[in-house]
Protein backbone atom coordinates (compact mmCIF):
# COMPACT_ATOMS: atom_id res chain seq x y z
CA MET A 1 3.37 134.67 121.05
CA ASP A 2 3.36 133.57 117.42
CA SER A 3 5.23 136.27 115.51
CA LEU A 4 7.75 139.07 115.79
CA ALA A 5 4.82 141.50 115.66
CA ASP A 6 3.52 140.13 118.98
CA LEU A 7 6.67 141.30 120.78
CA ALA A 8 7.64 144.82 121.77
CA PHE A 9 11.23 145.66 120.78
CA GLU A 10 12.16 145.72 124.48
CA GLN A 11 11.12 142.03 124.75
CA LEU A 12 13.46 140.87 122.00
CA LYS A 13 16.81 139.34 122.88
CA ALA A 14 19.73 137.64 121.24
CA GLY A 15 19.24 133.92 120.70
CA MET A 16 15.59 134.11 119.64
CA ARG A 17 14.89 132.14 116.48
CA PHE A 18 12.34 133.14 113.81
CA SER A 19 11.20 131.80 110.47
CA HIS A 20 10.31 133.95 107.47
CA PRO A 21 8.79 132.72 104.16
CA GLN A 22 11.41 134.56 102.11
CA HIS A 23 14.46 134.64 104.43
CA GLY A 24 14.11 131.19 106.06
CA GLU A 25 15.16 130.52 109.63
CA GLN A 26 17.04 133.37 111.30
CA VAL A 27 18.52 133.94 114.74
CA ILE A 28 18.80 137.32 116.46
CA LEU A 29 22.48 137.93 117.15
CA ASP A 30 22.32 141.51 118.37
CA LEU A 31 19.92 144.39 118.94
CA GLY A 32 20.57 148.10 118.74
CA ARG A 33 19.33 151.53 117.76
CA SER A 34 20.31 153.64 114.79
CA ALA A 35 19.18 156.90 113.26
CA LEU A 36 16.51 154.92 111.39
CA GLY A 37 15.09 153.32 114.54
CA PRO A 38 15.44 149.98 116.36
CA THR A 39 17.78 147.51 114.69
CA ILE A 40 17.83 143.73 114.71
CA GLN A 41 20.89 141.86 113.46
CA PHE A 42 19.84 138.44 112.22
CA ASP A 43 22.49 135.80 111.49
CA ASN A 44 22.04 135.86 107.71
CA CYS A 45 19.50 138.51 106.72
CA PRO A 46 19.83 142.30 106.30
CA VAL A 47 16.21 143.14 107.14
CA TYR A 48 15.94 145.53 110.13
CA ASN A 49 19.71 146.05 110.34
CA GLY A 50 19.35 149.84 110.42
CA GLU A 51 21.31 150.48 107.24
CA MET A 52 20.07 152.42 104.26
CA PRO A 53 18.47 149.98 101.79
CA SER A 54 20.01 149.58 98.37
CA MET A 55 18.03 151.30 95.67
CA SER A 56 18.54 148.31 93.36
CA LEU A 57 16.86 145.82 95.72
CA GLY A 58 13.38 147.30 95.59
CA GLU A 59 10.83 146.89 92.86
CA PRO A 60 10.58 149.81 90.45
CA THR A 61 8.50 152.66 91.80
CA ASP A 62 8.04 156.24 90.71
CA ASP A 63 10.77 158.73 91.66
CA ALA A 64 8.64 160.48 94.31
CA GLU A 65 8.37 157.48 96.62
CA ASP A 66 11.30 155.15 95.92
CA ILE A 67 13.66 155.82 98.89
CA PHE A 68 10.82 156.35 101.37
CA HIS A 69 9.10 153.16 100.22
CA LEU A 70 12.31 151.17 100.65
CA LEU A 71 12.99 152.69 104.06
CA SER A 72 9.51 151.94 105.33
CA LYS A 73 9.82 148.28 104.25
CA ASN A 74 13.12 147.85 106.16
CA THR A 75 12.24 149.68 109.38
CA TYR A 76 11.07 147.60 112.34
CA PRO A 77 8.21 146.68 112.89
CA ALA A 78 7.13 146.87 109.23
CA GLY A 79 6.45 143.31 108.04
CA ALA A 80 7.01 141.83 111.52
CA GLU A 81 3.86 139.70 111.26
CA ALA A 82 5.57 137.49 108.64
CA TRP A 83 8.28 136.42 111.12
CA ARG A 84 7.13 133.34 113.07
CA TYR A 85 8.71 132.76 116.48
CA LEU A 86 10.35 129.33 116.82
CA GLY A 87 11.91 129.53 120.28
CA GLU A 88 15.35 130.24 121.67
CA LEU A 89 18.67 128.64 120.82
CA THR A 90 20.14 126.12 123.20
CA ASP A 91 23.77 126.35 124.35
CA ARG A 92 24.55 123.38 122.11
CA GLU A 93 23.11 125.19 119.06
CA VAL A 94 25.11 128.33 119.90
CA LEU A 95 28.33 126.28 119.96
CA GLY A 96 27.31 124.46 116.78
CA HIS A 97 27.21 127.80 114.92
CA GLY A 98 30.61 128.80 116.27
CA TRP A 99 29.16 131.68 118.28
CA ARG A 100 29.54 132.58 121.90
CA TRP A 101 27.73 134.88 124.29
CA TYR A 102 29.18 138.34 124.95
CA ALA A 103 28.09 140.95 127.46
CA VAL A 104 28.81 144.65 127.65
CA ALA A 105 27.69 147.02 130.40
CA CYS A 106 26.58 150.57 129.77
CA PRO A 107 28.86 152.99 131.70
CA HIS A 108 25.94 155.40 132.15
CA CYS A 109 23.12 153.24 133.54
CA GLY A 110 24.89 149.90 134.17
CA SER A 111 22.44 147.79 132.17
CA THR A 112 24.06 144.72 130.64
CA HIS A 113 23.61 144.02 126.95
CA ARG A 114 24.04 140.40 125.84
CA TYR A 115 24.62 139.36 122.26
CA LEU A 116 25.87 136.43 120.16
CA GLY A 117 28.79 136.49 117.78
CA ALA A 118 31.93 134.88 116.46
CA GLY A 119 33.93 137.67 118.12
CA PRO A 120 33.39 140.72 120.31
CA HIS A 121 31.60 143.72 118.86
CA PRO A 122 34.36 146.05 117.63
CA GLY A 123 32.57 149.39 117.53
CA SER A 124 30.42 151.74 119.50
CA ARG A 125 26.83 151.06 120.47
CA VAL A 126 23.76 152.81 121.80
CA CYS A 127 22.45 151.54 125.14
CA LEU A 128 19.06 149.89 124.69
CA SER A 129 17.99 151.05 128.19
CA CYS A 130 19.07 154.69 128.44
CA GLY A 131 20.05 155.57 124.85
CA MET A 132 23.61 156.68 125.63
CA GLY A 133 26.23 156.04 122.96
CA TYR A 134 29.44 154.47 124.19
CA THR A 135 32.36 152.21 123.31
CA ALA A 136 33.19 149.41 125.72
CA PRO A 137 34.87 146.06 125.21
CA ALA A 138 32.72 142.96 125.52
CA ASN A 139 33.61 140.22 127.94
């Protein structure tokens, strides 16, 4: 496994570290699903976060393709081959960033979702296993 493109979305997990020529070293903090598709929350990079891209960030294109072009560039797995896998964070590195591990169980299927953060996830989420939307506190 050399790049993000070598991994299926289901194989990704919080704590994996990647390097990108433009965005530098990034750590996956959380994974999810949105209306635009699978989402990856990196520690300091908005690529693949599932949000609508800003129209001002893309290079000028003609009016017929601008929003679709921007969406396709920010939807996983577009561009995944540029992300080189560096390994997983150690517990010491997690503490050094001021993060901690959180876990939340889906009330529908019981699968446990683990993620990294400075605090618990405040909102609702979509289960990565069964797709059910729910709100549950992290522990």
